[in-house]
Amino acid sequence: MFARRTQKTNQIQQVQDLTLPEMSLAAREALRSYTPARLGLERTGVSLATRPLLDFQLAHAQARDAVHAAIDVRMLCDELRRSELPALALESKARDRSTYLRRPDLGRALSEDSAALLTPGEYDVVFVIADGLSALAVERHALRLMREVLPLVAGWRLAPVCVVEQGRVAIGDAIGEALHANLSVVLIGERPGLSSPDSLGVYITWEPRQGRKDSERNCISNVREEGLGYAAAANRLHYYMQEASRRHMTGLGLKDPDEDLARLL
């Protein structure tokens, strides 16, 4: 119990102590088996113990490194071409990483030189690989996800895969519009978290064009080995692509496949 003074009556009242009891080691381990979140951390007095404190500092440093890392555009393009996929190396209007982080608007638009490389065609979909806020996520997961998706979209008319440096999600709108693609699929590094510095996001937009709202897209997030696996992500992406092509829409009106299944149960 501890005492406090009420504001209205100026009287002393006894209030129950809200301090949580120390969690047992077994309870901490049980919680950690369900989630990578920092739960039940060991303490020394009122402070974190040395080990969880160092783990936190390491995770924070990895997240910062992921944000500032540079994407290896040449490596990605070479790997795509080895898979017999034409690839284009593009840049946004953000010329360097510092500008990209300070000016999100420049990351949504193509540089003049890159825009000149895009030739309109009759394409069902354009895949865009952009560094986003984690080049690490793109280099680890984008190609592996692409390899799972490609057999599912056999027969689709594919535009050259566009690998964009200093790109945001909306860069896919400018690319899709320039290529006259019906659909854009942007694979991009998500903002790093303290347990996931390499999480890949996928954004699907029907009839991409500049000025599209986020509510007009569908998103698949946390694609990585410790999150949503490549095969599961590819199947979900294929669902969205099929439904978008059939219904001519993406966004709020196009629900997650798990939600559609739940309504049938």
C-alpha atoms as a PDB file:
ATOM      1  CA  MET A   1       0.000   0.000   0.000  1.00  0.00           C
ATOM      2  CA  PHE A   2       1.027   3.633  -0.515  1.00  0.00           C
ATOM      3  CA  ALA A   3      -0.535   6.963   0.416  1.00  0.00           C
ATOM      4  CA  ARG A   4      -1.733   9.774  -1.864  1.00  0.00           C
ATOM      5  CA  ARG A   5      -3.499  13.092  -1.267  1.00  0.00           C
ATOM      6  CA  THR A   6      -6.775  13.649  -3.136  1.00  0.00           C
ATOM      7  CA  GLN A   7      -7.155  16.931  -5.056  1.00  0.00           C
ATOM      8  CA  LYS A   8     -10.732  17.702  -3.929  1.00  0.00           C
ATOM      9  CA  THR A   9     -10.731  16.810  -0.216  1.00  0.00           C
ATOM     10  CA  ASN A  10      -7.041  17.222   0.605  1.00  0.00           C
ATOM     11  CA  GLN A  11      -7.294  13.987   2.583  1.00  0.00           C
ATOM     12  CA  ILE A  12      -4.830  11.127   2.742  1.00  0.00           C
ATOM     13  CA  GLN A  13      -6.098   7.882   1.202  1.00  0.00           C
ATOM     14  CA  GLN A  14      -4.512   4.456   1.164  1.00  0.00           C
ATOM     15  CA  VAL A  15      -4.065   3.080  -2.367  1.00  0.00           C
ATOM     16  CA  GLN A  16      -3.106  -0.476  -3.265  1.00  0.00           C
ATOM     17  CA  ASP A  17       0.499  -0.873  -4.468  1.00  0.00           C
ATOM     18  CA  LEU A  18       0.425  -1.504  -8.245  1.00  0.00           C
ATOM     19  CA  THR A  19       3.990  -2.801  -8.494  1.00  0.00           C
ATOM     20  CA  LEU A  20       4.008  -6.131 -10.356  1.00  0.00           C
ATOM     21  CA  PRO A  21       5.654  -9.102  -8.660  1.00  0.00           C
ATOM     22  CA  GLU A  22       8.883 -10.418 -10.133  1.00  0.00           C
ATOM     23  CA  MET A  23       8.093 -12.850 -12.936  1.00  0.00           C
ATOM     24  CA  SER A  24       9.533 -16.317 -12.561  1.00  0.00           C
ATOM     25  CA  LEU A  25      12.066 -17.636 -15.068  1.00  0.00           C
ATOM     26  CA  ALA A  26       9.609 -20.306 -16.217  1.00  0.00           C
ATOM     27  CA  ALA A  27       6.900 -17.697 -16.840  1.00  0.00           C
ATOM     28  CA  ARG A  28       9.306 -15.520 -18.838  1.00  0.00           C
ATOM     29  CA  GLU A  29      10.399 -18.432 -20.997  1.00  0.00           C
ATOM     30  CA  ALA A  30       6.769 -19.422 -21.612  1.00  0.00           C
ATOM     31  CA  LEU A  31       5.919 -15.912 -22.828  1.00  0.00           C
ATOM     32  CA  ARG A  32       8.991 -15.732 -25.053  1.00  0.00           C
ATOM     33  CA  SER A  33       8.029 -18.954 -26.796  1.00  0.00           C
ATOM     34  CA  TYR A  34       5.012 -17.135 -28.294  1.00  0.00           C
ATOM     35  CA  THR A  35       6.588 -13.891 -29.471  1.00  0.00           C
ATOM     36  CA  PRO A  36       9.927 -12.197 -30.172  1.00  0.00           C
ATOM     37  CA  ALA A  37       8.630  -9.117 -28.320  1.00  0.00           C
ATOM     38  CA  ARG A  38      10.563  -8.026 -25.248  1.00  0.00           C
ATOM     39  CA  LEU A  39       8.414  -9.450 -22.460  1.00  0.00           C
ATOM     40  CA  GLY A  40       9.353 -10.279 -18.896  1.00  0.00           C
ATOM     41  CA  LEU A  41      12.859  -8.833 -19.122  1.00  0.00           C
ATOM     42  CA  GLU A  42      15.217  -9.449 -16.246  1.00  0.00           C
ATOM     43  CA  ARG A  43      15.812  -6.522 -13.918  1.00  0.00           C
ATOM     44  CA  THR A  44      18.417  -5.395 -11.460  1.00  0.00           C
ATOM     45  CA  GLY A  45      16.604  -3.140  -9.035  1.00  0.00           C
ATOM     46  CA  VAL A  46      14.652  -0.661 -11.168  1.00  0.00           C
ATOM     47  CA  SER A  47      16.923  -1.101 -14.195  1.00  0.00           C
ATOM     48  CA  LEU A  48      17.242  -3.712 -16.899  1.00  0.00           C
ATOM     49  CA  ALA A  49      19.814  -6.414 -16.386  1.00  0.00           C
ATOM     50  CA  THR A  50      22.955  -6.175 -18.506  1.00  0.00           C
ATOM     51  CA  ARG A  51      22.028  -8.892 -21.035  1.00  0.00           C
ATOM     52  CA  PRO A  52      18.596  -7.519 -22.117  1.00  0.00           C
ATOM     53  CA  LEU A  53      20.035  -4.001 -22.143  1.00  0.00           C
ATOM     54  CA  LEU A  54      22.827  -5.037 -24.508  1.00  0.00           C
ATOM     55  CA  ASP A  55      20.344  -6.995 -26.650  1.00  0.00           C
ATOM     56  CA  PHE A  56      18.195  -3.867 -26.953  1.00  0.00           C
ATOM     57  CA  GLN A  57      21.163  -1.700 -27.911  1.00  0.00           C
ATOM     58  CA  LEU A  58      22.217  -4.238 -30.558  1.00  0.00           C
ATOM     59  CA  ALA A  59      18.709  -4.380 -32.035  1.00  0.00           C
ATOM     60  CA  HIS A  60      18.535  -0.581 -32.098  1.00  0.00           C
ATOM     61  CA  ALA A  61      21.890  -0.392 -33.896  1.00  0.00           C
ATOM     62  CA  GLN A  62      20.774  -3.009 -36.456  1.00  0.00           C
ATOM     63  CA  ALA A  63      17.591  -1.036 -37.152  1.00  0.00           C
ATOM     64  CA  ARG A  64      19.572   2.172 -37.667  1.00  0.00           C
ATOM     65  CA  ASP A  65      22.036   0.395 -39.957  1.00  0.00           C
ATOM     66  CA  ALA A  66      19.157  -1.030 -42.022  1.00  0.00           C
ATOM     67  CA  VAL A  67      17.668   2.432 -42.560  1.00  0.00           C
ATOM     68  CA  HIS A  68      20.960   3.882 -43.793  1.00  0.00           C
ATOM     69  CA  ALA A  69      22.189   0.875 -45.811  1.00  0.00           C
ATOM     70  CA  ALA A  70      22.534   1.137 -49.599  1.00  0.00           C
ATOM     71  CA  ILE A  71      20.870  -1.305 -51.969  1.00  0.00           C
ATOM     72  CA  ASP A  72      23.068  -3.315 -54.351  1.00  0.00           C
ATOM     73  CA  VAL A  73      21.173  -2.553 -57.562  1.00  0.00           C
ATOM     74  CA  ARG A  74      23.676  -4.253 -59.876  1.00  0.00           C
ATOM     75  CA  MET A  75      23.538  -7.520 -57.918  1.00  0.00           C
ATOM     76  CA  LEU A  76      19.738  -7.593 -57.966  1.00  0.00           C
ATOM     77  CA  CYS A  77      19.558  -6.830 -61.698  1.00  0.00           C
ATOM     78  CA  ASP A  78      22.162  -9.495 -62.477  1.00  0.00           C
ATOM     79  CA  GLU A  79      20.251 -12.100 -60.459  1.00  0.00           C
ATOM     80  CA  LEU A  80      16.996 -11.210 -62.208  1.00  0.00           C
ATOM     81  CA  ARG A  81      18.601 -11.514 -65.632  1.00  0.00           C
ATOM     82  CA  ARG A  82      20.050 -14.909 -64.694  1.00  0.00           C
ATOM     83  CA  SER A  83      16.444 -15.927 -64.075  1.00  0.00           C
ATOM     84  CA  GLU A  84      15.680 -14.725 -67.627  1.00  0.00           C
ATOM     85  CA  LEU A  85      13.813 -11.663 -66.401  1.00  0.00           C
ATOM     86  CA  PRO A  86      14.571  -8.300 -68.058  1.00  0.00           C
ATOM     87  CA  ALA A  87      15.494  -5.733 -65.426  1.00  0.00           C
ATOM     88  CA  LEU A  88      15.901  -1.966 -65.314  1.00  0.00           C
ATOM     89  CA  ALA A  89      17.992  -0.048 -62.785  1.00  0.00           C
ATOM     90  CA  LEU A  90      16.182   3.175 -61.849  1.00  0.00           C
ATOM     91  CA  GLU A  91      16.536   6.041 -59.395  1.00  0.00           C
ATOM     92  CA  SER A  92      14.091   8.342 -57.666  1.00  0.00           C
ATOM     93  CA  LYS A  93      14.535  12.094 -57.469  1.00  0.00           C
ATOM     94  CA  ALA A  94      16.218  11.643 -54.072  1.00  0.00           C
ATOM     95  CA  ARG A  95      19.868  11.624 -55.094  1.00  0.00           C
ATOM     96  CA  ASP A  96      21.293  10.330 -51.799  1.00  0.00           C
ATOM     97  CA  ARG A  97      20.158   8.606 -48.617  1.00  0.00           C
ATOM     98  CA  SER A  98      20.123  11.749 -46.512  1.00  0.00           C
ATOM     99  CA  THR A  99      17.804  13.509 -48.982  1.00  0.00           C
ATOM    100  CA  TYR A 100      15.630  10.401 -49.213  1.00  0.00           C
ATOM    101  CA  LEU A 101      15.065  10.318 -45.451  1.00  0.00           C
ATOM    102  CA  ARG A 102      14.366  14.056 -45.218  1.00  0.00           C
ATOM    103  CA  ARG A 103      12.225  14.373 -48.360  1.00  0.00           C
ATOM    104  CA  PRO A 104       9.733  11.482 -48.728  1.00  0.00           C
ATOM    105  CA  ASP A 105       8.118  13.262 -51.682  1.00  0.00           C
ATOM    106  CA  LEU A 106      11.281  12.908 -53.782  1.00  0.00           C
ATOM    107  CA  GLY A 107      11.320   9.168 -53.158  1.00  0.00           C
ATOM    108  CA  ARG A 108       7.887   8.875 -54.794  1.00  0.00           C
ATOM    109  CA  ALA A 109       8.972  10.315 -58.151  1.00  0.00           C
ATOM    110  CA  LEU A 110      11.403   9.055 -60.795  1.00  0.00           C
ATOM    111  CA  SER A 111      14.419  11.028 -61.864  1.00  0.00           C
ATOM    112  CA  GLU A 112      14.249  12.396 -65.401  1.00  0.00           C
ATOM    113  CA  ASP A 113      16.917   9.974 -66.637  1.00  0.00           C
ATOM    114  CA  SER A 114      15.056   6.978 -65.184  1.00  0.00           C
ATOM    115  CA  ALA A 115      11.687   8.084 -66.542  1.00  0.00           C
ATOM    116  CA  ALA A 116      13.228   8.232 -70.006  1.00  0.00           C
ATOM    117  CA  LEU A 117      14.107   4.508 -69.800  1.00  0.00           C
ATOM    118  CA  LEU A 118      10.461   3.409 -69.546  1.00  0.00           C
ATOM    119  CA  THR A 119       8.640   2.486 -72.744  1.00  0.00           C
ATOM    120  CA  PRO A 120       4.858   1.880 -72.706  1.00  0.00           C
ATOM    121  CA  GLY A 121       3.627  -1.571 -73.618  1.00  0.00           C
ATOM    122  CA  GLU A 122       0.799  -4.039 -73.114  1.00  0.00           C
ATOM    123  CA  TYR A 123       1.643  -5.325 -69.653  1.00  0.00           C
ATOM    124  CA  ASP A 124      -0.535  -7.083 -67.109  1.00  0.00           C
ATOM    125  CA  VAL A 125       1.824  -6.333 -64.217  1.00  0.00           C
ATOM    126  CA  VAL A 126       5.078  -4.618 -63.376  1.00  0.00           C
ATOM    127  CA  PHE A 127       7.132  -5.816 -60.423  1.00  0.00           C
ATOM    128  CA  VAL A 128       9.046  -3.034 -58.702  1.00  0.00           C
ATOM    129  CA  ILE A 129      11.815  -3.728 -56.184  1.00  0.00           C
ATOM    130  CA  ALA A 130      12.626  -0.659 -54.075  1.00  0.00           C
ATOM    131  CA  ASP A 131      14.962  -0.271 -51.128  1.00  0.00           C
ATOM    132  CA  GLY A 132      12.482   1.659 -48.968  1.00  0.00           C
ATOM    133  CA  LEU A 133      13.629   1.869 -45.362  1.00  0.00           C
ATOM    134  CA  SER A 134      15.519  -1.426 -45.324  1.00  0.00           C
ATOM    135  CA  ALA A 135      17.781  -2.369 -48.210  1.00  0.00           C
ATOM    136  CA  LEU A 136      18.714  -5.393 -46.097  1.00  0.00           C
ATOM    137  CA  ALA A 137      15.155  -6.735 -46.370  1.00  0.00           C
ATOM    138  CA  VAL A 138      15.167  -6.354 -50.147  1.00  0.00           C
ATOM    139  CA  GLU A 139      18.508  -8.086 -50.641  1.00  0.00           C
ATOM    140  CA  ARG A 140      17.536 -10.981 -48.351  1.00  0.00           C
ATOM    141  CA  HIS A 141      13.955 -11.623 -49.409  1.00  0.00           C
ATOM    142  CA  ALA A 142      12.855  -9.942 -52.659  1.00  0.00           C
ATOM    143  CA  LEU A 143      14.399 -12.418 -55.098  1.00  0.00           C
ATOM    144  CA  ARG A 144      13.320 -15.423 -53.034  1.00  0.00           C
ATOM    145  CA  LEU A 145       9.752 -14.168 -53.038  1.00  0.00           C
ATOM    146  CA  MET A 146       9.912 -13.482 -56.782  1.00  0.00           C
ATOM    147  CA  ARG A 147      11.004 -17.071 -57.425  1.00  0.00           C
ATOM    148  CA  GLU A 148       7.919 -18.318 -55.573  1.00  0.00           C
ATOM    149  CA  VAL A 149       5.568 -15.945 -57.403  1.00  0.00           C
ATOM    150  CA  LEU A 150       6.725 -16.398 -61.001  1.00  0.00           C
ATOM    151  CA  PRO A 151       5.377 -19.951 -61.504  1.00  0.00           C
ATOM    152  CA  LEU A 152       1.991 -18.743 -60.236  1.00  0.00           C
ATOM    153  CA  VAL A 153       1.767 -15.962 -62.845  1.00  0.00           C
ATOM    154  CA  ALA A 154       2.829 -17.974 -65.871  1.00  0.00           C
ATOM    155  CA  GLY A 155       0.994 -16.516 -68.868  1.00  0.00           C
ATOM    156  CA  TRP A 156       0.822 -12.996 -67.452  1.00  0.00           C
ATOM    157  CA  ARG A 157       2.420 -10.281 -69.576  1.00  0.00           C
ATOM    158  CA  LEU A 158       5.295  -9.058 -67.393  1.00  0.00           C
ATOM    159  CA  ALA A 159       6.971  -5.685 -67.767  1.00  0.00           C
ATOM    160  CA  PRO A 160      10.701  -5.477 -67.086  1.00  0.00           C
ATOM    161  CA  VAL A 161      11.354  -5.719 -63.352  1.00  0.00           C
ATOM    162  CA  CYS A 162      12.274  -2.251 -62.095  1.00  0.00           C
ATOM    163  CA  VAL A 163      14.889  -2.026 -59.328  1.00  0.00           C
ATOM    164  CA  VAL A 164      14.698   1.431 -57.781  1.00  0.00           C
ATOM    165  CA  GLU A 165      17.243   3.128 -55.558  1.00  0.00           C
ATOM    166  CA  GLN A 166      15.886   5.579 -52.950  1.00  0.00           C
ATOM    167  CA  GLY A 167      12.306   4.562 -53.709  1.00  0.00           C
ATOM    168  CA  ARG A 168       9.074   4.831 -51.725  1.00  0.00           C
ATOM    169  CA  VAL A 169       5.896   2.781 -52.217  1.00  0.00           C
ATOM    170  CA  ALA A 170       4.315   5.329 -54.560  1.00  0.00           C
ATOM    171  CA  ILE A 171       7.235   5.058 -56.995  1.00  0.00           C
ATOM    172  CA  GLY A 172       5.308   2.075 -58.361  1.00  0.00           C
ATOM    173  CA  ASP A 173       2.515   4.417 -59.426  1.00  0.00           C
ATOM    174  CA  ALA A 174       4.839   6.500 -61.599  1.00  0.00           C
ATOM    175  CA  ILE A 175       6.431   3.374 -63.095  1.00  0.00           C
ATOM    176  CA  GLY A 176       3.133   1.605 -63.751  1.00  0.00           C
ATOM    177  CA  GLU A 177       1.642   4.689 -65.357  1.00  0.00           C
ATOM    178  CA  ALA A 178       4.648   5.186 -67.636  1.00  0.00           C
ATOM    179  CA  LEU A 179       4.596   1.533 -68.727  1.00  0.00           C
ATOM    180  CA  HIS A 180       0.781   1.419 -69.100  1.00  0.00           C
ATOM    181  CA  ALA A 181       0.726  -1.639 -66.805  1.00  0.00           C
ATOM    182  CA  ASN A 182      -2.629  -2.792 -65.433  1.00  0.00           C
ATOM    183  CA  LEU A 183      -1.147  -3.664 -62.059  1.00  0.00           C
ATOM    184  CA  SER A 184       1.933  -2.731 -60.050  1.00  0.00           C
ATOM    185  CA  VAL A 185       3.468  -4.904 -57.339  1.00  0.00           C
ATOM    186  CA  VAL A 186       6.045  -3.106 -55.208  1.00  0.00           C
ATOM    187  CA  LEU A 187       8.429  -5.176 -53.073  1.00  0.00           C
ATOM    188  CA  ILE A 188       9.975  -2.790 -50.563  1.00  0.00           C
ATOM    189  CA  GLY A 189      11.916  -2.773 -47.315  1.00  0.00           C
ATOM    190  CA  GLU A 190       9.667  -1.883 -44.388  1.00  0.00           C
ATOM    191  CA  ARG A 191      10.578   0.446 -41.540  1.00  0.00           C
ATOM    192  CA  PRO A 192      12.848  -1.658 -39.276  1.00  0.00           C
ATOM    193  CA  GLY A 193      11.608  -2.706 -35.855  1.00  0.00           C
ATOM    194  CA  LEU A 194      13.598  -3.747 -32.825  1.00  0.00           C
ATOM    195  CA  SER A 195      12.949  -7.411 -33.618  1.00  0.00           C
ATOM    196  CA  SER A 196      12.792  -7.228 -37.423  1.00  0.00           C
ATOM    197  CA  PRO A 197      15.327  -5.025 -39.249  1.00  0.00           C
ATOM    198  CA  ASP A 198      14.792  -6.991 -42.484  1.00  0.00           C
ATOM    199  CA  SER A 199      11.020  -7.152 -42.988  1.00  0.00           C
ATOM    200  CA  LEU A 200       9.806  -6.990 -46.603  1.00  0.00           C
ATOM    201  CA  GLY A 201       6.485  -5.411 -47.583  1.00  0.00           C
ATOM    202  CA  VAL A 202       4.475  -5.948 -50.778  1.00  0.00           C
ATOM    203  CA  TYR A 203       2.038  -3.334 -52.149  1.00  0.00           C
ATOM    204  CA  ILE A 204      -0.447  -4.148 -54.918  1.00  0.00           C
ATOM    205  CA  THR A 205      -2.122  -1.344 -56.895  1.00  0.00           C
ATOM    206  CA  TRP A 206      -4.642  -1.655 -59.723  1.00  0.00           C
ATOM    207  CA  GLU A 207      -4.240   0.878 -62.557  1.00  0.00           C
ATOM    208  CA  PRO A 208      -1.220   2.576 -60.977  1.00  0.00           C
ATOM    209  CA  ARG A 209      -0.953   6.258 -61.623  1.00  0.00           C
ATOM    210  CA  GLN A 210       0.511   9.213 -59.784  1.00  0.00           C
ATOM    211  CA  GLY A 211      -1.747  10.458 -57.013  1.00  0.00           C
ATOM    212  CA  ARG A 212      -3.065   7.062 -55.931  1.00  0.00           C
ATOM    213  CA  LYS A 213      -4.007   6.903 -52.237  1.00  0.00           C
ATOM    214  CA  ASP A 214      -2.815   4.256 -49.794  1.00  0.00           C
ATOM    215  CA  SER A 215      -6.453   3.206 -49.369  1.00  0.00           C
ATOM    216  CA  GLU A 216      -6.353   2.118 -53.035  1.00  0.00           C
ATOM    217  CA  ARG A 217      -3.664  -0.485 -52.387  1.00  0.00           C
ATOM    218  CA  ASN A 218      -3.420  -3.849 -50.697  1.00  0.00           C
ATOM    219  CA  CYS A 219      -0.447  -4.707 -48.522  1.00  0.00           C
ATOM    220  CA  ILE A 220       1.300  -7.900 -47.452  1.00  0.00           C
ATOM    221  CA  SER A 221       3.768  -7.255 -44.651  1.00  0.00           C
ATOM    222  CA  ASN A 222       6.470  -8.971 -42.606  1.00  0.00           C
ATOM    223  CA  VAL A 223       7.688 -11.232 -45.405  1.00  0.00           C
ATOM    224  CA  ARG A 224      10.773 -12.993 -44.060  1.00  0.00           C
ATOM    225  CA  GLU A 225      11.768 -16.387 -42.719  1.00  0.00           C
ATOM    226  CA  GLU A 226      10.752 -15.497 -39.141  1.00  0.00           C
ATOM    227  CA  GLY A 227       7.479 -13.906 -40.279  1.00  0.00           C
ATOM    228  CA  LEU A 228       5.287 -14.679 -43.289  1.00  0.00           C
ATOM    229  CA  GLY A 229       7.128 -17.306 -45.323  1.00  0.00           C
ATOM    230  CA  TYR A 230       7.850 -16.939 -49.031  1.00  0.00           C
ATOM    231  CA  ALA A 231       5.387 -19.594 -50.225  1.00  0.00           C
ATOM    232  CA  ALA A 232       2.548 -18.208 -48.085  1.00  0.00           C
ATOM    233  CA  ALA A 233       3.323 -14.643 -49.184  1.00  0.00           C
ATOM    234  CA  ALA A 234       3.436 -15.717 -52.842  1.00  0.00           C
ATOM    235  CA  ASN A 235       0.049 -17.428 -52.584  1.00  0.00           C
ATOM    236  CA  ARG A 236      -1.483 -14.372 -50.938  1.00  0.00           C
ATOM    237  CA  LEU A 237       0.036 -12.084 -53.555  1.00  0.00           C
ATOM    238  CA  HIS A 238      -1.282 -14.314 -56.343  1.00  0.00           C
ATOM    239  CA  TYR A 239      -4.759 -14.108 -54.792  1.00  0.00           C
ATOM    240  CA  TYR A 240      -4.651 -10.310 -54.762  1.00  0.00           C
ATOM    241  CA  MET A 241      -3.363 -10.171 -58.325  1.00  0.00           C
ATOM    242  CA  GLN A 242      -6.072 -12.500 -59.611  1.00  0.00           C
ATOM    243  CA  GLU A 243      -8.846 -10.671 -57.761  1.00  0.00           C
ATOM    244  CA  ALA A 244      -7.547  -7.271 -58.848  1.00  0.00           C
ATOM    245  CA  SER A 245      -7.513  -8.394 -62.472  1.00  0.00           C
ATOM    246  CA  ARG A 246     -10.982  -9.909 -62.172  1.00  0.00           C
ATOM    247  CA  ARG A 247     -12.611  -7.058 -60.256  1.00  0.00           C
ATOM    248  CA  HIS A 248     -10.503  -4.170 -61.617  1.00  0.00           C
ATOM    249  CA  MET A 249      -9.758  -2.802 -58.181  1.00  0.00           C
ATOM    250  CA  THR A 250      -7.449  -2.953 -55.165  1.00  0.00           C
ATOM    251  CA  GLY A 251      -7.647  -1.326 -51.768  1.00  0.00           C
ATOM    252  CA  LEU A 252     -10.390  -1.264 -49.170  1.00  0.00           C
ATOM    253  CA  GLY A 253     -12.860  -3.144 -51.348  1.00  0.00           C
ATOM    254  CA  LEU A 254     -10.513  -6.097 -51.854  1.00  0.00           C
ATOM    255  CA  LYS A 255     -10.225  -8.100 -48.664  1.00  0.00           C
ATOM    256  CA  ASP A 256      -7.548 -10.410 -47.340  1.00  0.00           C
ATOM    257  CA  PRO A 257      -8.086 -14.008 -48.517  1.00  0.00           C
ATOM    258  CA  ASP A 258      -8.275 -15.193 -44.911  1.00  0.00           C
ATOM    259  CA  GLU A 259     -11.131 -12.743 -44.304  1.00  0.00           C
ATOM    260  CA  ASP A 260     -12.982 -14.008 -47.384  1.00  0.00           C
ATOM    261  CA  LEU A 261     -12.580 -17.575 -46.153  1.00  0.00           C
ATOM    262  CA  ALA A 262     -13.800 -16.648 -42.676  1.00  0.00           C
ATOM    263  CA  ARG A 263     -17.073 -15.301 -44.109  1.00  0.00           C
ATOM    264  CA  LEU A 264     -17.754 -18.677 -45.720  1.00  0.00           C
ATOM    265  CA  LEU A 265     -17.365 -20.641 -42.479  1.00  0.00           C
END
